[in-house]
All heavy atoms as atom14 arrays in JSON, in Angstrom:
{
  "sequence": "IDGVSARLAAVSRMRAHSKKEATQEIANTPHRF",
  "atom14_mask": [
    [1, 1, 1, 1, 1, 1, 1, 1, 0, 0, 0, 0, 0, 0],
    [1, 1, 1, 1, 1, 1, 1, 1, 0, 0, 0, 0, 0, 0],
    [1, 1, 1, 1, 0, 0, 0, 0, 0, 0, 0, 0, 0, 0],
    [1, 1, 1, 1, 1, 1, 1, 0, 0, 0, 0, 0, 0, 0],
    [1, 1, 1, 1, 1, 1, 0, 0, 0, 0, 0, 0, 0, 0],
    [1, 1, 1, 1, 1, 0, 0, 0, 0, 0, 0, 0, 0, 0],
    [1, 1, 1, 1, 1, 1, 1, 1, 1, 1, 1, 0, 0, 0],
    [1, 1, 1, 1, 1, 1, 1, 1, 0, 0, 0, 0, 0, 0],
    [1, 1, 1, 1, 1, 0, 0, 0, 0, 0, 0, 0, 0, 0],
    [1, 1, 1, 1, 1, 0, 0, 0, 0, 0, 0, 0, 0, 0],
    [1, 1, 1, 1, 1, 1, 1, 0, 0, 0, 0, 0, 0, 0],
    [1, 1, 1, 1, 1, 1, 0, 0, 0, 0, 0, 0, 0, 0],
    [1, 1, 1, 1, 1, 1, 1, 1, 1, 1, 1, 0, 0, 0],
    [1, 1, 1, 1, 1, 1, 1, 1, 0, 0, 0, 0, 0, 0],
    [1, 1, 1, 1, 1, 1, 1, 1, 1, 1, 1, 0, 0, 0],
    [1, 1, 1, 1, 1, 0, 0, 0, 0, 0, 0, 0, 0, 0],
    [1, 1, 1, 1, 1, 1, 1, 1, 1, 1, 0, 0, 0, 0],
    [1, 1, 1, 1, 1, 1, 0, 0, 0, 0, 0, 0, 0, 0],
    [1, 1, 1, 1, 1, 1, 1, 1, 1, 0, 0, 0, 0, 0],
    [1, 1, 1, 1, 1, 1, 1, 1, 1, 0, 0, 0, 0, 0],
    [1, 1, 1, 1, 1, 1, 1, 1, 1, 0, 0, 0, 0, 0],
    [1, 1, 1, 1, 1, 0, 0, 0, 0, 0, 0, 0, 0, 0],
    [1, 1, 1, 1, 1, 1, 1, 0, 0, 0, 0, 0, 0, 0],
    [1, 1, 1, 1, 1, 1, 1, 1, 1, 0, 0, 0, 0, 0],
    [1, 1, 1, 1, 1, 1, 1, 1, 1, 0, 0, 0, 0, 0],
    [1, 1, 1, 1, 1, 1, 1, 1, 0, 0, 0, 0, 0, 0],
    [1, 1, 1, 1, 1, 0, 0, 0, 0, 0, 0, 0, 0, 0],
    [1, 1, 1, 1, 1, 1, 1, 1, 0, 0, 0, 0, 0, 0],
    [1, 1, 1, 1, 1, 1, 1, 0, 0, 0, 0, 0, 0, 0],
    [1, 1, 1, 1, 1, 1, 1, 0, 0, 0, 0, 0, 0, 0],
    [1, 1, 1, 1, 1, 1, 1, 1, 1, 1, 0, 0, 0, 0],
    [1, 1, 1, 1, 1, 1, 1, 1, 1, 1, 1, 0, 0, 0],
    [1, 1, 1, 1, 1, 1, 1, 1, 1, 1, 1, 0, 0, 0]
  ],
  "atom14_positions": [
    [[-0.18, 16.91, -26.95], [0.54, 15.77, -27.55], [-0.48, 14.91, -28.34], [-1.42, 14.36, -27.7], [1.29, 14.87, -26.54], [2.21, 15.75, -25.71], [1.97, 13.72, -27.19], [2.9, 15.07, -24.56], [0.0, 0.0, 0.0], [0.0, 0.0, 0.0], [0.0, 0.0, 0.0], [0.0, 0.0, 0.0], [0.0, 0.0, 0.0], [0.0, 0.0, 0.0]],
    [[-0.34, 14.85, -29.6], [-1.36, 14.25, -30.47], [-1.69, 12.78, -30.0], [-2.89, 12.4, -29.87], [-0.96, 14.14, -31.9], [-0.92, 15.49, -32.58], [-1.56, 16.44, -31.99], [-0.25, 15.69, -33.63], [0.0, 0.0, 0.0], [0.0, 0.0, 0.0], [0.0, 0.0, 0.0], [0.0, 0.0, 0.0], [0.0, 0.0, 0.0], [0.0, 0.0, 0.0]],
    [[-0.7, 11.93, -29.81], [-0.88, 10.56, -29.39], [-1.64, 10.48, -28.04], [-2.47, 9.56, -27.84], [0.0, 0.0, 0.0], [0.0, 0.0, 0.0], [0.0, 0.0, 0.0], [0.0, 0.0, 0.0], [0.0, 0.0, 0.0], [0.0, 0.0, 0.0], [0.0, 0.0, 0.0], [0.0, 0.0, 0.0], [0.0, 0.0, 0.0], [0.0, 0.0, 0.0]],
    [[-1.37, 11.4, -27.13], [-2.0, 11.36, -25.8], [-3.42, 11.89, -25.99], [-4.39, 11.3, -25.39], [-1.23, 12.2, -24.8], [-1.97, 12.31, -23.48], [0.11, 11.55, -24.57], [0.0, 0.0, 0.0], [0.0, 0.0, 0.0], [0.0, 0.0, 0.0], [0.0, 0.0, 0.0], [0.0, 0.0, 0.0], [0.0, 0.0, 0.0], [0.0, 0.0, 0.0]],
    [[-3.61, 12.92, -26.7], [-4.95, 13.52, -26.88], [-5.9, 12.52, -27.49], [-7.08, 12.4, -27.0], [-4.79, 14.78, -27.82], [-6.11, 15.3, -28.04], [0.0, 0.0, 0.0], [0.0, 0.0, 0.0], [0.0, 0.0, 0.0], [0.0, 0.0, 0.0], [0.0, 0.0, 0.0], [0.0, 0.0, 0.0], [0.0, 0.0, 0.0], [0.0, 0.0, 0.0]],
    [[-5.4, 11.78, -28.45], [-6.32, 10.71, -29.12], [-6.71, 9.68, -28.07], [-7.87, 9.15, -28.08], [-5.53, 10.07, -30.25], [0.0, 0.0, 0.0], [0.0, 0.0, 0.0], [0.0, 0.0, 0.0], [0.0, 0.0, 0.0], [0.0, 0.0, 0.0], [0.0, 0.0, 0.0], [0.0, 0.0, 0.0], [0.0, 0.0, 0.0], [0.0, 0.0, 0.0]],
    [[-5.78, 9.29, -27.18], [-6.13, 8.31, -26.18], [-7.13, 8.78, -25.22], [-8.07, 8.04, -24.76], [-4.82, 7.87, -25.47], [-3.86, 7.0, -26.29], [-2.6, 6.73, -25.54], [-1.76, 5.78, -26.31], [-1.82, 4.42, -26.26], [-2.63, 3.89, -25.35], [-1.08, 3.71, -26.99], [0.0, 0.0, 0.0], [0.0, 0.0, 0.0], [0.0, 0.0, 0.0]],
    [[-7.0, 10.09, -24.78], [-7.99, 10.63, -23.85], [-9.37, 10.7, -24.47], [-10.4, 10.41, -23.83], [-7.53, 12.02, -23.43], [-6.24, 12.08, -22.59], [-5.87, 13.51, -22.31], [-6.37, 11.28, -21.33], [0.0, 0.0, 0.0], [0.0, 0.0, 0.0], [0.0, 0.0, 0.0], [0.0, 0.0, 0.0], [0.0, 0.0, 0.0], [0.0, 0.0, 0.0]],
    [[-9.45, 10.98, -25.74], [-10.73, 11.06, -26.52], [-11.34, 9.66, -26.49], [-12.52, 9.49, -26.37], [-10.56, 11.61, -27.85], [0.0, 0.0, 0.0], [0.0, 0.0, 0.0], [0.0, 0.0, 0.0], [0.0, 0.0, 0.0], [0.0, 0.0, 0.0], [0.0, 0.0, 0.0], [0.0, 0.0, 0.0], [0.0, 0.0, 0.0], [0.0, 0.0, 0.0]],
    [[-10.49, 8.65, -26.68], [-10.94, 7.25, -26.72], [-11.51, 6.79, -25.41], [-12.54, 6.06, -25.29], [-9.87, 6.34, -27.19], [0.0, 0.0, 0.0], [0.0, 0.0, 0.0], [0.0, 0.0, 0.0], [0.0, 0.0, 0.0], [0.0, 0.0, 0.0], [0.0, 0.0, 0.0], [0.0, 0.0, 0.0], [0.0, 0.0, 0.0], [0.0, 0.0, 0.0]],
    [[-10.82, 7.28, -24.36], [-11.3, 6.96, -22.95], [-12.71, 7.61, -22.73], [-13.66, 6.9, -22.15], [-10.33, 7.47, -21.9], [-10.88, 7.24, -20.46], [-9.01, 6.71, -22.04], [0.0, 0.0, 0.0], [0.0, 0.0, 0.0], [0.0, 0.0, 0.0], [0.0, 0.0, 0.0], [0.0, 0.0, 0.0], [0.0, 0.0, 0.0], [0.0, 0.0, 0.0]],
    [[-12.85, 8.83, -23.15], [-14.09, 9.49, -22.98], [-15.17, 8.8, -23.64], [-16.29, 8.62, -23.16], [-13.94, 10.98, -23.48], [-15.1, 11.71, -23.21], [0.0, 0.0, 0.0], [0.0, 0.0, 0.0], [0.0, 0.0, 0.0], [0.0, 0.0, 0.0], [0.0, 0.0, 0.0], [0.0, 0.0, 0.0], [0.0, 0.0, 0.0], [0.0, 0.0, 0.0]],
    [[-14.97, 8.35, -24.92], [-16.06, 7.67, -25.68], [-16.32, 6.32, -25.03], [-17.52, 5.93, -24.9], [-15.56, 7.43, -27.12], [-15.51, 8.62, -28.02], [-15.32, 8.29, -29.48], [-14.06, 7.56, -29.73], [-12.9, 8.1, -29.96], [-12.77, 9.45, -29.99], [-11.81, 7.4, -30.23], [0.0, 0.0, 0.0], [0.0, 0.0, 0.0], [0.0, 0.0, 0.0]],
    [[-15.3, 5.62, -24.59], [-15.61, 4.3, -23.99], [-16.44, 4.45, -22.73], [-17.44, 3.66, -22.52], [-14.24, 3.63, -23.66], [-14.34, 2.33, -22.82], [-14.11, 2.76, -21.04], [-14.77, 1.27, -20.35], [0.0, 0.0, 0.0], [0.0, 0.0, 0.0], [0.0, 0.0, 0.0], [0.0, 0.0, 0.0], [0.0, 0.0, 0.0], [0.0, 0.0, 0.0]],
    [[-16.1, 5.47, -21.87], [-16.85, 5.63, -20.64], [-18.31, 6.11, -20.93], [-19.27, 5.67, -20.28], [-16.14, 6.58, -19.74], [-14.78, 6.06, -19.19], [-14.06, 7.04, -18.39], [-12.9, 6.53, -17.76], [-12.01, 7.18, -16.97], [-12.23, 8.47, -16.79], [-10.95, 6.62, -16.52], [0.0, 0.0, 0.0], [0.0, 0.0, 0.0], [0.0, 0.0, 0.0]],
    [[-18.43, 7.0, -21.93], [-19.81, 7.55, -22.24], [-20.71, 6.43, -22.76], [-21.92, 6.52, -22.57], [-19.62, 8.66, -23.33], [0.0, 0.0, 0.0], [0.0, 0.0, 0.0], [0.0, 0.0, 0.0], [0.0, 0.0, 0.0], [0.0, 0.0, 0.0], [0.0, 0.0, 0.0], [0.0, 0.0, 0.0], [0.0, 0.0, 0.0], [0.0, 0.0, 0.0]],
    [[-20.15, 5.46, -23.39], [-21.02, 4.44, -24.01], [-21.16, 3.2, -23.0], [-21.76, 2.13, -23.4], [-20.51, 3.94, -25.22], [-20.61, 4.91, -26.44], [-19.69, 5.83, -26.7], [-21.69, 5.11, -27.24], [-20.05, 6.61, -27.74], [-21.36, 6.15, -28.09], [0.0, 0.0, 0.0], [0.0, 0.0, 0.0], [0.0, 0.0, 0.0], [0.0, 0.0, 0.0]],
    [[-20.65, 3.29, -21.79], [-20.76, 2.19, -20.87], [-22.21, 2.07, -20.37], [-23.01, 3.02, -20.38], [-19.87, 2.5, -19.62], [-20.12, 1.55, -18.64], [0.0, 0.0, 0.0], [0.0, 0.0, 0.0], [0.0, 0.0, 0.0], [0.0, 0.0, 0.0], [0.0, 0.0, 0.0], [0.0, 0.0, 0.0], [0.0, 0.0, 0.0], [0.0, 0.0, 0.0]],
    [[-22.54, 0.86, -20.05], [-23.88, 0.51, -19.49], [-24.06, 1.02, -18.03], [-25.1, 1.14, -17.54], [-24.23, -0.93, -19.6], [-24.33, -1.42, -21.0], [-24.62, -2.86, -21.05], [-24.76, -3.36, -22.51], [-24.98, -4.84, -22.59], [0.0, 0.0, 0.0], [0.0, 0.0, 0.0], [0.0, 0.0, 0.0], [0.0, 0.0, 0.0], [0.0, 0.0, 0.0]],
    [[-22.87, 1.24, -17.35], [-22.89, 1.65, -15.97], [-22.95, 3.14, -15.87], [-22.14, 3.89, -16.48], [-21.61, 1.13, -15.29], [-21.49, -0.38, -15.2], [-20.26, -0.79, -14.37], [-20.15, -2.29, -14.24], [-18.95, -2.76, -13.54], [0.0, 0.0, 0.0], [0.0, 0.0, 0.0], [0.0, 0.0, 0.0], [0.0, 0.0, 0.0], [0.0, 0.0, 0.0]],
    [[-23.96, 3.6, -15.07], [-24.12, 5.04, -14.93], [-22.89, 5.71, -14.28], [-22.53, 6.78, -14.65], [-25.39, 5.28, -14.05], [-25.79, 6.76, -14.0], [-27.02, 6.93, -13.19], [-27.86, 6.08, -13.19], [-27.24, 8.08, -12.65], [0.0, 0.0, 0.0], [0.0, 0.0, 0.0], [0.0, 0.0, 0.0], [0.0, 0.0, 0.0], [0.0, 0.0, 0.0]],
    [[-22.25, 4.99, -13.26], [-21.17, 5.54, -12.61], [-20.02, 5.78, -13.61], [-19.27, 6.75, -13.46], [-20.71, 4.65, -11.49], [0.0, 0.0, 0.0], [0.0, 0.0, 0.0], [0.0, 0.0, 0.0], [0.0, 0.0, 0.0], [0.0, 0.0, 0.0], [0.0, 0.0, 0.0], [0.0, 0.0, 0.0], [0.0, 0.0, 0.0], [0.0, 0.0, 0.0]],
    [[-19.84, 4.89, -14.57], [-18.73, 5.04, -15.59], [-19.08, 6.22, -16.53], [-18.2, 6.99, -16.85], [-18.58, 3.71, -16.32], [-18.34, 2.71, -15.43], [-17.47, 3.88, -17.33], [0.0, 0.0, 0.0], [0.0, 0.0, 0.0], [0.0, 0.0, 0.0], [0.0, 0.0, 0.0], [0.0, 0.0, 0.0], [0.0, 0.0, 0.0], [0.0, 0.0, 0.0]],
    [[-20.29, 6.35, -16.89], [-20.75, 7.45, -17.71], [-20.42, 8.77, -17.11], [-20.03, 9.76, -17.77], [-22.23, 7.32, -18.11], [-22.66, 6.12, -18.81], [-24.16, 6.04, -18.92], [-24.91, 6.93, -18.71], [-24.66, 4.77, -19.27], [0.0, 0.0, 0.0], [0.0, 0.0, 0.0], [0.0, 0.0, 0.0], [0.0, 0.0, 0.0], [0.0, 0.0, 0.0]],
    [[-20.53, 8.88, -15.81], [-20.37, 10.11, -15.06], [-18.94, 10.64, -15.1], [-18.65, 11.79, -14.85], [-20.82, 9.99, -13.64], [-22.39, 9.84, -13.57], [-22.83, 9.54, -12.1], [-21.95, 9.34, -11.23], [-24.04, 9.48, -11.86], [0.0, 0.0, 0.0], [0.0, 0.0, 0.0], [0.0, 0.0, 0.0], [0.0, 0.0, 0.0], [0.0, 0.0, 0.0]],
    [[-17.96, 9.72, -15.37], [-16.56, 10.13, -15.41], [-15.99, 10.31, -16.78], [-14.83, 10.37, -17.05], [-15.63, 9.16, -14.55], [-15.76, 7.7, -15.08], [-16.09, 9.18, -13.13], [-14.81, 6.78, -14.46], [0.0, 0.0, 0.0], [0.0, 0.0, 0.0], [0.0, 0.0, 0.0], [0.0, 0.0, 0.0], [0.0, 0.0, 0.0], [0.0, 0.0, 0.0]],
    [[-16.98, 10.28, -17.83], [-16.53, 10.39, -19.21], [-15.87, 11.73, -19.5], [-14.96, 11.81, -20.33], [-17.68, 10.21, -20.12], [0.0, 0.0, 0.0], [0.0, 0.0, 0.0], [0.0, 0.0, 0.0], [0.0, 0.0, 0.0], [0.0, 0.0, 0.0], [0.0, 0.0, 0.0], [0.0, 0.0, 0.0], [0.0, 0.0, 0.0], [0.0, 0.0, 0.0]],
    [[-16.24, 12.75, -18.73], [-15.71, 14.1, -18.98], [-14.34, 14.39, -18.28], [-13.74, 15.44, -18.48], [-16.69, 15.19, -18.48], [-17.98, 15.21, -19.28], [-17.93, 14.92, -20.46], [-19.08, 15.54, -18.68], [0.0, 0.0, 0.0], [0.0, 0.0, 0.0], [0.0, 0.0, 0.0], [0.0, 0.0, 0.0], [0.0, 0.0, 0.0], [0.0, 0.0, 0.0]],
    [[-13.89, 13.36, -17.56], [-12.52, 13.5, -16.97], [-11.69, 12.21, -17.32], [-11.37, 11.48, -16.51], [-12.59, 13.58, -15.41], [-13.39, 12.49, -14.9], [-13.23, 14.88, -14.97], [0.0, 0.0, 0.0], [0.0, 0.0, 0.0], [0.0, 0.0, 0.0], [0.0, 0.0, 0.0], [0.0, 0.0, 0.0], [0.0, 0.0, 0.0], [0.0, 0.0, 0.0]],
    [[-11.5, 12.05, -18.62], [-10.79, 10.77, -19.14], [-9.36, 10.63, -18.61], [-8.85, 9.54, -18.64], [-10.81, 10.97, -20.6], [-10.89, 12.49, -20.84], [-11.75, 12.97, -19.78], [0.0, 0.0, 0.0], [0.0, 0.0, 0.0], [0.0, 0.0, 0.0], [0.0, 0.0, 0.0], [0.0, 0.0, 0.0], [0.0, 0.0, 0.0], [0.0, 0.0, 0.0]],
    [[-8.75, 11.77, -18.11], [-7.35, 11.66, -17.65], [-7.26, 11.08, -16.25], [-6.17, 10.68, -15.77], [-6.63, 13.0, -17.71], [-7.3, 14.04, -16.72], [-8.59, 14.45, -16.9], [-6.75, 14.6, -15.57], [-8.86, 15.38, -15.92], [-7.76, 15.4, -15.12], [0.0, 0.0, 0.0], [0.0, 0.0, 0.0], [0.0, 0.0, 0.0], [0.0, 0.0, 0.0]],
    [[-8.41, 11.02, -15.59], [-8.41, 10.47, -14.19], [-8.8, 9.03, -14.19], [-9.61, 8.6, -14.99], [-9.48, 11.23, -13.39], [-9.08, 12.68, -13.17], [-10.23, 13.41, -12.32], [-9.99, 14.79, -12.25], [-10.84, 15.68, -11.71], [-12.08, 15.17, -11.22], [-10.65, 16.93, -11.63], [0.0, 0.0, 0.0], [0.0, 0.0, 0.0], [0.0, 0.0, 0.0]],
    [[-8.19, 8.24, -13.26], [-8.55, 6.81, -13.15], [-9.96, 6.79, -12.6], [-10.41, 7.72, -11.86], [-7.5, 6.15, -12.23], [-6.1, 6.17, -12.67], [-5.06, 6.09, -11.83], [-5.83, 6.25, -14.05], [-3.81, 6.17, -12.26], [-4.54, 6.27, -14.55], [-3.53, 6.24, -13.65], [0.0, 0.0, 0.0], [0.0, 0.0, 0.0], [0.0, 0.0, 0.0]]
  ]
}
């Protein structure tokens, strides 16, 4: 679903650029809380 896929990609980017290492580690699983 395009709208959902774009949101998951945005979550991944946000987490990858976080200053917190723990947040960076969950960038590859953006669908999980």
